Amino acid sequence: METIDKSKIGKRIAERRAQRQLTQEQLSEKIGMTENQVSRMENGRVIPRGETAIKLSRVLNVSTDYILLGHDIQIDDEGIADIIQNVALCNKRERILISDLITSLLKNREKDI
């Protein structure tokens, strides 16, 4: 299991916030937190959990995996972000079923073309 490094999480949040040209105040408003709480996350004193991690991922246009673990998967479409967040809640068997369903849908689409 991967370890969660508070300082790296904070650095990723701060870097991505800067890339999106947001101030800490603007980010705090978008995710429903105080500017002080955002500062504490960026300084590695607090780890975003649950709903906060999801809100951050949507505002910063990255996956929660990127925020928490550094896996660089950027999300371009809010619909895709919702799908990824929901799939992340599934167990391994459910993810396999979802993958099989998507594969089947794509094969059927190719037949229709």
PDB file of N, CA and C in Angstrom:
ATOM      1  N   MET A   1       0.845  -1.192   0.000  1.00  0.00           N
ATOM      2  CA  MET A   1       0.000   0.000   0.000  1.00  0.00           C
ATOM      3  C   MET A   1       0.886   1.249   0.000  1.00  0.00           C
ATOM      4  N   GLU A   2       0.464   2.222  -0.758  1.00  0.00           N
ATOM      5  CA  GLU A   2       1.234   3.453  -0.865  1.00  0.00           C
ATOM      6  C   GLU A   2       1.030   4.310   0.376  1.00  0.00           C
ATOM      7  N   THR A   3       2.085   5.023   0.742  1.00  0.00           N
ATOM      8  CA  THR A   3       1.978   5.915   1.892  1.00  0.00           C
ATOM      9  C   THR A   3       1.581   7.306   1.425  1.00  0.00           C
ATOM     10  N   ILE A   4       0.895   7.987   2.292  1.00  0.00           N
ATOM     11  CA  ILE A   4       0.444   9.337   1.991  1.00  0.00           C
ATOM     12  C   ILE A   4       1.405  10.308   2.663  1.00  0.00           C
ATOM     13  N   ASP A   5       1.989  11.192   1.876  1.00  0.00           N
ATOM     14  CA  ASP A   5       2.961  12.167   2.355  1.00  0.00           C
ATOM     15  C   ASP A   5       2.296  13.545   2.362  1.00  0.00           C
ATOM     16  N   LYS A   6       2.042  14.064   3.571  1.00  0.00           N
ATOM     17  CA  LYS A   6       1.330  15.339   3.717  1.00  0.00           C
ATOM     18  C   LYS A   6       2.006  16.477   2.964  1.00  0.00           C
ATOM     19  N   SER A   7       3.331  16.545   3.053  1.00  0.00           N
ATOM     20  CA  SER A   7       4.024  17.660   2.405  1.00  0.00           C
ATOM     21  C   SER A   7       3.915  17.583   0.886  1.00  0.00           C
ATOM     22  N   LYS A   8       3.973  16.368   0.334  1.00  0.00           N
ATOM     23  CA  LYS A   8       3.840  16.216  -1.120  1.00  0.00           C
ATOM     24  C   LYS A   8       2.424  16.545  -1.570  1.00  0.00           C
ATOM     25  N   ILE A   9       1.435  16.158  -0.768  1.00  0.00           N
ATOM     26  CA  ILE A   9       0.044  16.488  -1.087  1.00  0.00           C
ATOM     27  C   ILE A   9      -0.111  18.002  -1.140  1.00  0.00           C
ATOM     28  N   GLY A  10       0.403  18.674  -0.130  1.00  0.00           N
ATOM     29  CA  GLY A  10       0.320  20.130  -0.072  1.00  0.00           C
ATOM     30  C   GLY A  10       0.997  20.786  -1.258  1.00  0.00           C
ATOM     31  N   LYS A  11       2.151  20.268  -1.623  1.00  0.00           N
ATOM     32  CA  LYS A  11       2.885  20.818  -2.761  1.00  0.00           C
ATOM     33  C   LYS A  11       2.087  20.643  -4.056  1.00  0.00           C
ATOM     34  N   ARG A  12       1.479  19.456  -4.240  1.00  0.00           N
ATOM     35  CA  ARG A  12       0.682  19.219  -5.450  1.00  0.00           C
ATOM     36  C   ARG A  12      -0.524  20.159  -5.510  1.00  0.00           C
ATOM     37  N   ILE A  13      -1.173  20.366  -4.374  1.00  0.00           N
ATOM     38  CA  ILE A  13      -2.329  21.270  -4.334  1.00  0.00           C
ATOM     39  C   ILE A  13      -1.885  22.693  -4.675  1.00  0.00           C
ATOM     40  N   ALA A  14      -0.818  23.151  -4.054  1.00  0.00           N
ATOM     41  CA  ALA A  14      -0.336  24.518  -4.295  1.00  0.00           C
ATOM     42  C   ALA A  14       0.099  24.711  -5.746  1.00  0.00           C
ATOM     43  N   GLU A  15       0.818  23.729  -6.297  1.00  0.00           N
ATOM     44  CA  GLU A  15       1.274  23.844  -7.681  1.00  0.00           C
ATOM     45  C   GLU A  15       0.098  23.867  -8.648  1.00  0.00           C
ATOM     46  N   ARG A  16      -0.845  22.982  -8.422  1.00  0.00           N
ATOM     47  CA  ARG A  16      -1.992  22.910  -9.337  1.00  0.00           C
ATOM     48  C   ARG A  16      -2.855  24.160  -9.209  1.00  0.00           C
ATOM     49  N   ARG A  17      -2.987  24.681  -7.984  1.00  0.00           N
ATOM     50  CA  ARG A  17      -3.747  25.922  -7.772  1.00  0.00           C
ATOM     51  C   ARG A  17      -3.095  27.062  -8.556  1.00  0.00           C
ATOM     52  N   ALA A  18      -1.771  27.137  -8.489  1.00  0.00           N
ATOM     53  CA  ALA A  18      -1.038  28.178  -9.209  1.00  0.00           C
ATOM     54  C   ALA A  18      -1.200  28.010 -10.724  1.00  0.00           C
ATOM     55  N   GLN A  19      -1.143  26.778 -11.198  1.00  0.00           N
ATOM     56  CA  GLN A  19      -1.335  26.515 -12.631  1.00  0.00           C
ATOM     57  C   GLN A  19      -2.715  26.975 -13.091  1.00  0.00           C
ATOM     58  N   ARG A  20      -3.690  26.803 -12.234  1.00  0.00           N
ATOM     59  CA  ARG A  20      -5.069  27.208 -12.562  1.00  0.00           C
ATOM     60  C   ARG A  20      -5.283  28.706 -12.298  1.00  0.00           C
ATOM     61  N   GLN A  21      -4.226  29.392 -11.875  1.00  0.00           N
ATOM     62  CA  GLN A  21      -4.236  30.827 -11.596  1.00  0.00           C
ATOM     63  C   GLN A  21      -5.296  31.211 -10.565  1.00  0.00           C
ATOM     64  N   LEU A  22      -5.323  30.431  -9.492  1.00  0.00           N
ATOM     65  CA  LEU A  22      -6.240  30.697  -8.385  1.00  0.00           C
ATOM     66  C   LEU A  22      -5.439  31.121  -7.157  1.00  0.00           C
ATOM     67  N   THR A  23      -5.987  32.052  -6.398  1.00  0.00           N
ATOM     68  CA  THR A  23      -5.398  32.395  -5.108  1.00  0.00           C
ATOM     69  C   THR A  23      -5.916  31.390  -4.076  1.00  0.00           C
ATOM     70  N   GLN A  24      -5.291  31.370  -2.915  1.00  0.00           N
ATOM     71  CA  GLN A  24      -5.799  30.506  -1.851  1.00  0.00           C
ATOM     72  C   GLN A  24      -7.219  30.921  -1.481  1.00  0.00           C
ATOM     73  N   GLU A  25      -7.475  32.207  -1.506  1.00  0.00           N
ATOM     74  CA  GLU A  25      -8.817  32.703  -1.185  1.00  0.00           C
ATOM     75  C   GLU A  25      -9.843  32.195  -2.198  1.00  0.00           C
ATOM     76  N   GLN A  26      -9.510  32.264  -3.489  1.00  0.00           N
ATOM     77  CA  GLN A  26     -10.438  31.797  -4.525  1.00  0.00           C
ATOM     78  C   GLN A  26     -10.681  30.294  -4.400  1.00  0.00           C
ATOM     79  N   LEU A  27      -9.610  29.528  -4.161  1.00  0.00           N
ATOM     80  CA  LEU A  27      -9.765  28.084  -3.997  1.00  0.00           C
ATOM     81  C   LEU A  27     -10.631  27.780  -2.784  1.00  0.00           C
ATOM     82  N   SER A  28     -10.380  28.486  -1.690  1.00  0.00           N
ATOM     83  CA  SER A  28     -11.154  28.228  -0.467  1.00  0.00           C
ATOM     84  C   SER A  28     -12.643  28.470  -0.694  1.00  0.00           C
ATOM     85  N   GLU A  29     -12.984  29.519  -1.447  1.00  0.00           N
ATOM     86  CA  GLU A  29     -14.391  29.800  -1.740  1.00  0.00           C
ATOM     87  C   GLU A  29     -15.009  28.692  -2.579  1.00  0.00           C
ATOM     88  N   LYS A  30     -14.248  28.191  -3.562  1.00  0.00           N
ATOM     89  CA  LYS A  30     -14.772  27.170  -4.465  1.00  0.00           C
ATOM     90  C   LYS A  30     -14.996  25.827  -3.772  1.00  0.00           C
ATOM     91  N   ILE A  31     -14.206  25.525  -2.743  1.00  0.00           N
ATOM     92  CA  ILE A  31     -14.352  24.224  -2.076  1.00  0.00           C
ATOM     93  C   ILE A  31     -15.054  24.335  -0.719  1.00  0.00           C
ATOM     94  N   GLY A  32     -15.467  25.545  -0.344  1.00  0.00           N
ATOM     95  CA  GLY A  32     -16.227  25.727   0.890  1.00  0.00           C
ATOM     96  C   GLY A  32     -15.401  25.586   2.153  1.00  0.00           C
ATOM     97  N   MET A  33     -14.179  26.087   2.100  1.00  0.00           N
ATOM     98  CA  MET A  33     -13.302  26.061   3.269  1.00  0.00           C
ATOM     99  C   MET A  33     -12.784  27.471   3.518  1.00  0.00           C
ATOM    100  N   THR A  34     -12.095  27.644   4.638  1.00  0.00           N
ATOM    101  CA  THR A  34     -11.471  28.935   4.896  1.00  0.00           C
ATOM    102  C   THR A  34     -10.107  28.985   4.212  1.00  0.00           C
ATOM    103  N   GLU A  35      -9.631  30.190   4.003  1.00  0.00           N
ATOM    104  CA  GLU A  35      -8.308  30.367   3.408  1.00  0.00           C
ATOM    105  C   GLU A  35      -7.241  29.743   4.312  1.00  0.00           C
ATOM    106  N   ASN A  36      -7.432  29.830   5.614  1.00  0.00           N
ATOM    107  CA  ASN A  36      -6.493  29.229   6.573  1.00  0.00           C
ATOM    108  C   ASN A  36      -6.446  27.705   6.410  1.00  0.00           C
ATOM    109  N   GLN A  37      -7.587  27.066   6.175  1.00  0.00           N
ATOM    110  CA  GLN A  37      -7.610  25.616   5.982  1.00  0.00           C
ATOM    111  C   GLN A  37      -6.867  25.222   4.705  1.00  0.00           C
ATOM    112  N   VAL A  38      -7.040  26.011   3.641  1.00  0.00           N
ATOM    113  CA  VAL A  38      -6.323  25.746   2.395  1.00  0.00           C
ATOM    114  C   VAL A  38      -4.819  25.896   2.644  1.00  0.00           C
ATOM    115  N   SER A  39      -4.441  26.938   3.352  1.00  0.00           N
ATOM    116  CA  SER A  39      -3.031  27.158   3.671  1.00  0.00           C
ATOM    117  C   SER A  39      -2.457  25.981   4.457  1.00  0.00           C
ATOM    118  N   ARG A  40      -3.218  25.484   5.415  1.00  0.00           N
ATOM    119  CA  ARG A  40      -2.751  24.328   6.217  1.00  0.00           C
ATOM    120  C   ARG A  40      -2.572  23.087   5.347  1.00  0.00           C
ATOM    121  N   MET A  41      -3.468  22.894   4.358  1.00  0.00           N
ATOM    122  CA  MET A  41      -3.302  21.758   3.444  1.00  0.00           C
ATOM    123  C   MET A  41      -2.040  21.935   2.610  1.00  0.00           C
ATOM    124  N   GLU A  42      -1.879  23.131   2.047  1.00  0.00           N
ATOM    125  CA  GLU A  42      -0.732  23.383   1.181  1.00  0.00           C
ATOM    126  C   GLU A  42       0.596  23.309   1.934  1.00  0.00           C
ATOM    127  N   ASN A  43       0.571  23.599   3.221  1.00  0.00           N
ATOM    128  CA  ASN A  43       1.783  23.520   4.037  1.00  0.00           C
ATOM    129  C   ASN A  43       2.012  22.122   4.613  1.00  0.00           C
ATOM    130  N   GLY A  44       1.151  21.179   4.241  1.00  0.00           N
ATOM    131  CA  GLY A  44       1.333  19.798   4.660  1.00  0.00           C
ATOM    132  C   GLY A  44       0.959  19.497   6.095  1.00  0.00           C
ATOM    133  N   ARG A  45       0.154  20.340   6.686  1.00  0.00           N
ATOM    134  CA  ARG A  45      -0.271  20.093   8.070  1.00  0.00           C
ATOM    135  C   ARG A  45      -1.574  19.322   8.153  1.00  0.00           C
ATOM    136  N   VAL A  46      -2.361  19.370   7.056  1.00  0.00           N
ATOM    137  CA  VAL A  46      -3.666  18.704   7.018  1.00  0.00           C
ATOM    138  C   VAL A  46      -3.793  17.960   5.692  1.00  0.00           C
ATOM    139  N   ILE A  47      -4.353  16.761   5.754  1.00  0.00           N
ATOM    140  CA  ILE A  47      -4.615  15.978   4.538  1.00  0.00           C
ATOM    141  C   ILE A  47      -6.084  16.146   4.168  1.00  0.00           C
ATOM    142  N   PRO A  48      -6.359  16.509   2.905  1.00  0.00           N
ATOM    143  CA  PRO A  48      -7.764  16.580   2.496  1.00  0.00           C
ATOM    144  C   PRO A  48      -8.361  15.179   2.458  1.00  0.00           C
ATOM    145  N   ARG A  49      -9.523  15.026   3.012  1.00  0.00           N
ATOM    146  CA  ARG A  49     -10.171  13.718   3.048  1.00  0.00           C
ATOM    147  C   ARG A  49     -11.561  13.804   2.429  1.00  0.00           C
ATOM    148  N   GLY A  50     -12.027  12.665   1.983  1.00  0.00           N
ATOM    149  CA  GLY A  50     -13.404  12.514   1.519  1.00  0.00           C
ATOM    150  C   GLY A  50     -13.874  13.588   0.578  1.00  0.00           C
ATOM    151  N   GLU A  51     -14.925  14.261   0.995  1.00  0.00           N
ATOM    152  CA  GLU A  51     -15.580  15.259   0.153  1.00  0.00           C
ATOM    153  C   GLU A  51     -14.630  16.395  -0.222  1.00  0.00           C
ATOM    154  N   THR A  52     -13.736  16.769   0.686  1.00  0.00           N
ATOM    155  CA  THR A  52     -12.784  17.846   0.381  1.00  0.00           C
ATOM    156  C   THR A  52     -11.850  17.440  -0.748  1.00  0.00           C
ATOM    157  N   ALA A  53     -11.363  16.208  -0.724  1.00  0.00           N
ATOM    158  CA  ALA A  53     -10.485  15.721  -1.802  1.00  0.00           C
ATOM    159  C   ALA A  53     -11.227  15.715  -3.132  1.00  0.00           C
ATOM    160  N   ILE A  54     -12.493  15.338  -3.108  1.00  0.00           N
ATOM    161  CA  ILE A  54     -13.293  15.318  -4.334  1.00  0.00           C
ATOM    162  C   ILE A  54     -13.503  16.737  -4.853  1.00  0.00           C
ATOM    163  N   LYS A  55     -13.839  17.675  -3.962  1.00  0.00           N
ATOM    164  CA  LYS A  55     -14.019  19.067  -4.376  1.00  0.00           C
ATOM    165  C   LYS A  55     -12.721  19.626  -4.959  1.00  0.00           C
ATOM    166  N   LEU A  56     -11.599  19.353  -4.309  1.00  0.00           N
ATOM    167  CA  LEU A  56     -10.306  19.808  -4.813  1.00  0.00           C
ATOM    168  C   LEU A  56     -10.035  19.244  -6.199  1.00  0.00           C
ATOM    169  N   SER A  57     -10.316  17.959  -6.383  1.00  0.00           N
ATOM    170  CA  SER A  57     -10.038  17.329  -7.673  1.00  0.00           C
ATOM    171  C   SER A  57     -10.841  17.988  -8.785  1.00  0.00           C
ATOM    172  N   ARG A  58     -12.061  18.343  -8.486  1.00  0.00           N
ATOM    173  CA  ARG A  58     -12.911  18.969  -9.510  1.00  0.00           C
ATOM    174  C   ARG A  58     -12.455  20.393  -9.820  1.00  0.00           C
ATOM    175  N   VAL A  59     -12.161  21.162  -8.789  1.00  0.00           N
ATOM    176  CA  VAL A  59     -11.741  22.551  -8.995  1.00  0.00           C
ATOM    177  C   VAL A  59     -10.361  22.619  -9.654  1.00  0.00           C
ATOM    178  N   LEU A  60      -9.463  21.722  -9.247  1.00  0.00           N
ATOM    179  CA  LEU A  60      -8.099  21.746  -9.778  1.00  0.00           C
ATOM    180  C   LEU A  60      -7.952  20.920 -11.057  1.00  0.00           C
ATOM    181  N   ASN A  61      -9.019  20.252 -11.453  1.00  0.00           N
ATOM    182  CA  ASN A  61      -9.049  19.467 -12.691  1.00  0.00           C
ATOM    183  C   ASN A  61      -8.017  18.339 -12.693  1.00  0.00           C
ATOM    184  N   VAL A  62      -7.963  17.622 -11.587  1.00  0.00           N
ATOM    185  CA  VAL A  62      -7.089  16.452 -11.451  1.00  0.00           C
ATOM    186  C   VAL A  62      -7.862  15.368 -10.701  1.00  0.00           C
ATOM    187  N   SER A  63      -7.330  14.169 -10.697  1.00  0.00           N
ATOM    188  CA  SER A  63      -7.978  13.090  -9.955  1.00  0.00           C
ATOM    189  C   SER A  63      -7.610  13.182  -8.475  1.00  0.00           C
ATOM    190  N   THR A  64      -8.429  12.544  -7.642  1.00  0.00           N
ATOM    191  CA  THR A  64      -8.081  12.470  -6.227  1.00  0.00           C
ATOM    192  C   THR A  64      -6.800  11.660  -6.044  1.00  0.00           C
ATOM    193  N   ASP A  65      -6.560  10.691  -6.920  1.00  0.00           N
ATOM    194  CA  ASP A  65      -5.306   9.938  -6.874  1.00  0.00           C
ATOM    195  C   ASP A  65      -4.110  10.865  -7.056  1.00  0.00           C
ATOM    196  N   TYR A  66      -4.250  11.847  -7.936  1.00  0.00           N
ATOM    197  CA  TYR A  66      -3.149  12.791  -8.134  1.00  0.00           C
ATOM    198  C   TYR A  66      -2.919  13.599  -6.864  1.00  0.00           C
ATOM    199  N   ILE A  67      -3.986  14.097  -6.284  1.00  0.00           N
ATOM    200  CA  ILE A  67      -3.849  14.913  -5.077  1.00  0.00           C
ATOM    201  C   ILE A  67      -3.210  14.102  -3.948  1.00  0.00           C
ATOM    202  N   LEU A  68      -3.729  12.909  -3.703  1.00  0.00           N
ATOM    203  CA  LEU A  68      -3.283  12.131  -2.555  1.00  0.00           C
ATOM    204  C   LEU A  68      -2.005  11.329  -2.795  1.00  0.00           C
ATOM    205  N   LEU A  69      -1.815  10.816  -4.012  1.00  0.00           N
ATOM    206  CA  LEU A  69      -0.704   9.897  -4.264  1.00  0.00           C
ATOM    207  C   LEU A  69       0.257  10.350  -5.364  1.00  0.00           C
ATOM    208  N   GLY A  70      -0.121  11.380  -6.101  1.00  0.00           N
ATOM    209  CA  GLY A  70       0.758  11.868  -7.148  1.00  0.00           C
ATOM    210  C   GLY A  70       0.601  11.187  -8.491  1.00  0.00           C
ATOM    211  N   HIS A  71      -0.409  10.334  -8.640  1.00  0.00           N
ATOM    212  CA  HIS A  71      -0.667   9.695  -9.930  1.00  0.00           C
ATOM    213  C   HIS A  71      -1.232  10.743 -10.863  1.00  0.00           C
ATOM    214  N   ASP A  72      -0.524  11.032 -11.930  1.00  0.00           N
ATOM    215  CA  ASP A  72      -0.851  12.158 -12.804  1.00  0.00           C
ATOM    216  C   ASP A  72      -1.905  11.803 -13.842  1.00  0.00           C
ATOM    217  N   ILE A  73      -3.164  11.882 -13.437  1.00  0.00           N
ATOM    218  CA  ILE A  73      -4.288  11.672 -14.345  1.00  0.00           C
ATOM    219  C   ILE A  73      -5.114  12.948 -14.310  1.00  0.00           C
ATOM    220  N   GLN A  74      -5.120  13.693 -15.393  1.00  0.00           N
ATOM    221  CA  GLN A  74      -5.898  14.915 -15.426  1.00  0.00           C
ATOM    222  C   GLN A  74      -7.265  14.643 -16.038  1.00  0.00           C
ATOM    223  N   ILE A  75      -8.232  15.345 -15.541  1.00  0.00           N
ATOM    224  CA  ILE A  75      -9.615  15.135 -15.949  1.00  0.00           C
ATOM    225  C   ILE A  75     -10.078  16.366 -16.713  1.00  0.00           C
ATOM    226  N   ASP A  76     -10.525  16.174 -17.957  1.00  0.00           N
ATOM    227  CA  ASP A  76     -10.915  17.290 -18.802  1.00  0.00           C
ATOM    228  C   ASP A  76     -12.417  17.540 -18.828  1.00  0.00           C
ATOM    229  N   ASP A  77     -13.199  16.604 -18.379  1.00  0.00           N
ATOM    230  CA  ASP A  77     -14.641  16.693 -18.515  1.00  0.00           C
ATOM    231  C   ASP A  77     -15.261  16.323 -17.176  1.00  0.00           C
ATOM    232  N   GLU A  78     -16.191  17.154 -16.700  1.00  0.00           N
ATOM    233  CA  GLU A  78     -16.813  16.871 -15.404  1.00  0.00           C
ATOM    234  C   GLU A  78     -17.563  15.546 -15.404  1.00  0.00           C
ATOM    235  N   GLY A  79     -18.142  15.152 -16.526  1.00  0.00           N
ATOM    236  CA  GLY A  79     -18.821  13.865 -16.606  1.00  0.00           C
ATOM    237  C   GLY A  79     -17.858  12.725 -16.367  1.00  0.00           C
ATOM    238  N   ILE A  80     -16.664  12.837 -16.933  1.00  0.00           N
ATOM    239  CA  ILE A  80     -15.640  11.818 -16.726  1.00  0.00           C
ATOM    240  C   ILE A  80     -15.186  11.830 -15.272  1.00  0.00           C
ATOM    241  N   ALA A  81     -15.068  13.009 -14.701  1.00  0.00           N
ATOM    242  CA  ALA A  81     -14.659  13.109 -13.297  1.00  0.00           C
ATOM    243  C   ALA A  81     -15.648  12.374 -12.400  1.00  0.00           C
ATOM    244  N   ASP A  82     -16.939  12.539 -12.670  1.00  0.00           N
ATOM    245  CA  ASP A  82     -17.962  11.850 -11.874  1.00  0.00           C
ATOM    246  C   ASP A  82     -17.836  10.336 -12.017  1.00  0.00           C
ATOM    247  N   ILE A  83     -17.617   9.879 -13.240  1.00  0.00           N
ATOM    248  CA  ILE A  83     -17.472   8.438 -13.477  1.00  0.00           C
ATOM    249  C   ILE A  83     -16.263   7.905 -12.716  1.00  0.00           C
ATOM    250  N   ILE A  84     -15.144   8.597 -12.821  1.00  0.00           N
ATOM    251  CA  ILE A  84     -13.920   8.153 -12.139  1.00  0.00           C
ATOM    252  C   ILE A  84     -14.128   8.112 -10.637  1.00  0.00           C
ATOM    253  N   GLN A  85     -14.772   9.127 -10.078  1.00  0.00           N
ATOM    254  CA  GLN A  85     -15.009   9.158  -8.634  1.00  0.00           C
ATOM    255  C   GLN A  85     -15.894   7.978  -8.206  1.00  0.00           C
ATOM    256  N   ASN A  86     -16.912   7.675  -8.998  1.00  0.00           N
ATOM    257  CA  ASN A  86     -17.805   6.569  -8.656  1.00  0.00           C
ATOM    258  C   ASN A  86     -17.112   5.219  -8.798  1.00  0.00           C
ATOM    259  N   VAL A  87     -16.336   5.057  -9.856  1.00  0.00           N
ATOM    260  CA  VAL A  87     -15.605   3.797 -10.049  1.00  0.00           C
ATOM    261  C   VAL A  87     -14.600   3.589  -8.916  1.00  0.00           C
ATOM    262  N   ALA A  88     -14.008   4.674  -8.451  1.00  0.00           N
ATOM    263  CA  ALA A  88     -13.032   4.572  -7.357  1.00  0.00           C
ATOM    264  C   ALA A  88     -13.664   4.012  -6.081  1.00  0.00           C
ATOM    265  N   LEU A  89     -14.961   4.156  -5.943  1.00  0.00           N
ATOM    266  CA  LEU A  89     -15.663   3.641  -4.763  1.00  0.00           C
ATOM    267  C   LEU A  89     -15.997   2.150  -4.875  1.00  0.00           C
ATOM    268  N   CYS A  90     -15.819   1.591  -6.058  1.00  0.00           N
ATOM    269  CA  CYS A  90     -16.160   0.189  -6.301  1.00  0.00           C
ATOM    270  C   CYS A  90     -15.031  -0.743  -5.859  1.00  0.00           C
ATOM    271  N   ASN A  91     -15.415  -1.986  -5.580  1.00  0.00           N
ATOM    272  CA  ASN A  91     -14.389  -2.986  -5.271  1.00  0.00           C
ATOM    273  C   ASN A  91     -13.832  -3.560  -6.573  1.00  0.00           C
ATOM    274  N   LYS A  92     -12.834  -4.413  -6.469  1.00  0.00           N
ATOM    275  CA  LYS A  92     -12.150  -4.931  -7.650  1.00  0.00           C
ATOM    276  C   LYS A  92     -13.111  -5.665  -8.590  1.00  0.00           C
ATOM    277  N   ARG A  93     -13.983  -6.500  -8.056  1.00  0.00           N
ATOM    278  CA  ARG A  93     -14.933  -7.254  -8.877  1.00  0.00           C
ATOM    279  C   ARG A  93     -15.860  -6.319  -9.626  1.00  0.00           C
ATOM    280  N   GLU A  94     -16.345  -5.283  -8.946  1.00  0.00           N
ATOM    281  CA  GLU A  94     -17.232  -4.323  -9.590  1.00  0.00           C
ATOM    282  C   GLU A  94     -16.509  -3.549 -10.695  1.00  0.00           C
ATOM    283  N   ARG A  95     -15.237  -3.199 -10.457  1.00  0.00           N
ATOM    284  CA  ARG A  95     -14.461  -2.491 -11.490  1.00  0.00           C
ATOM    285  C   ARG A  95     -14.251  -3.365 -12.725  1.00  0.00           C
ATOM    286  N   ILE A  96     -14.057  -4.655 -12.516  1.00  0.00           N
ATOM    287  CA  ILE A  96     -13.905  -5.582 -13.646  1.00  0.00           C
ATOM    288  C   ILE A  96     -15.204  -5.623 -14.448  1.00  0.00           C
ATOM    289  N   LEU A  97     -16.330  -5.685 -13.756  1.00  0.00           N
ATOM    290  CA  LEU A  97     -17.627  -5.684 -14.440  1.00  0.00           C
ATOM    291  C   LEU A  97     -17.837  -4.388 -15.229  1.00  0.00           C
ATOM    292  N   ILE A  98     -17.463  -3.277 -14.646  1.00  0.00           N
ATOM    293  CA  ILE A  98     -17.593  -1.991 -15.334  1.00  0.00           C
ATOM    294  C   ILE A  98     -16.709  -1.970 -16.573  1.00  0.00           C
ATOM    295  N   SER A  99     -15.494  -2.444 -16.446  1.00  0.00           N
ATOM    296  CA  SER A  99     -14.578  -2.502 -17.587  1.00  0.00           C
ATOM    297  C   SER A  99     -15.156  -3.379 -18.696  1.00  0.00           C
ATOM    298  N   ASP A 100     -15.690  -4.542 -18.319  1.00  0.00           N
ATOM    299  CA  ASP A 100     -16.308  -5.437 -19.312  1.00  0.00           C
ATOM    300  C   ASP A 100     -17.495  -4.767 -19.997  1.00  0.00           C
ATOM    301  N   LEU A 101     -18.293  -4.039 -19.240  1.00  0.00           N
ATOM    302  CA  LEU A 101     -19.444  -3.333 -19.800  1.00  0.00           C
ATOM    303  C   LEU A 101     -18.995  -2.281 -20.805  1.00  0.00           C
ATOM    304  N   ILE A 102     -17.985  -1.508 -20.454  1.00  0.00           N
ATOM    305  CA  ILE A 102     -17.487  -0.475 -21.372  1.00  0.00           C
ATOM    306  C   ILE A 102     -16.927  -1.108 -22.636  1.00  0.00           C
ATOM    307  N   THR A 103     -16.167  -2.177 -22.484  1.00  0.00           N
ATOM    308  CA  THR A 103     -15.621  -2.884 -23.650  1.00  0.00           C
ATOM    309  C   THR A 103     -16.742  -3.368 -24.555  1.00  0.00           C
ATOM    310  N   SER A 104     -17.787  -3.931 -23.971  1.00  0.00           N
ATOM    311  CA  SER A 104     -18.927  -4.419 -24.741  1.00  0.00           C
ATOM    312  C   SER A 104     -19.642  -3.269 -25.458  1.00  0.00           C
ATOM    313  N   LEU A 105     -19.833  -2.166 -24.768  1.00  0.00           N
ATOM    314  CA  LEU A 105     -20.483  -1.008 -25.390  1.00  0.00           C
ATOM    315  C   LEU A 105     -19.680  -0.495 -26.579  1.00  0.00           C
ATOM    316  N   LEU A 106     -18.364  -0.433 -26.432  1.00  0.00           N
ATOM    317  CA  LEU A 106     -17.520   0.052 -27.519  1.00  0.00           C
ATOM    318  C   LEU A 106     -17.540  -0.904 -28.713  1.00  0.00           C
ATOM    319  N   LYS A 107     -17.552  -2.196 -28.438  1.00  0.00           N
ATOM    320  CA  LYS A 107     -17.627  -3.171 -29.538  1.00  0.00           C
ATOM    321  C   LYS A 107     -18.948  -3.036 -30.276  1.00  0.00           C
ATOM    322  N   ASN A 108     -20.043  -2.878 -29.552  1.00  0.00           N
ATOM    323  CA  ASN A 108     -21.355  -2.715 -30.180  1.00  0.00           C
ATOM    324  C   ASN A 108     -21.427  -1.420 -30.978  1.00  0.00           C
ATOM    325  N   ARG A 109     -20.791  -0.391 -30.485  1.00  0.00           N
ATOM    326  CA  ARG A 109     -20.770   0.885 -31.200  1.00  0.00           C
ATOM    327  C   ARG A 109     -20.047   0.732 -32.525  1.00  0.00           C
ATOM    328  N   GLU A 110     -18.942  -0.018 -32.528  1.00  0.00           N
ATOM    329  CA  GLU A 110     -18.186  -0.243 -33.748  1.00  0.00           C
ATOM    330  C   GLU A 110     -19.026  -1.004 -34.783  1.00  0.00           C
ATOM    331  N   LYS A 111     -19.874  -1.915 -34.325  1.00  0.00           N
ATOM    332  CA  LYS A 111     -20.741  -2.656 -35.240  1.00  0.00           C
ATOM    333  C   LYS A 111     -21.779  -1.748 -35.887  1.00  0.00           C
ATOM    334  N   ASP A 112     -22.229  -0.721 -35.137  1.00  0.00           N
ATOM    335  CA  ASP A 112     -23.254   0.198 -35.631  1.00  0.00           C
ATOM    336  C   ASP A 112     -22.709   1.183 -36.657  1.00  0.00           C
ATOM    337  N   ILE A 113     -21.420   1.371 -36.675  1.00  0.00           N
ATOM    338  CA  ILE A 113     -20.809   2.384 -37.565  1.00  0.00           C
ATOM    339  C   ILE A 113     -20.734   1.907 -38.970  1.00  0.00           C
TER     340      ILE A 113
END
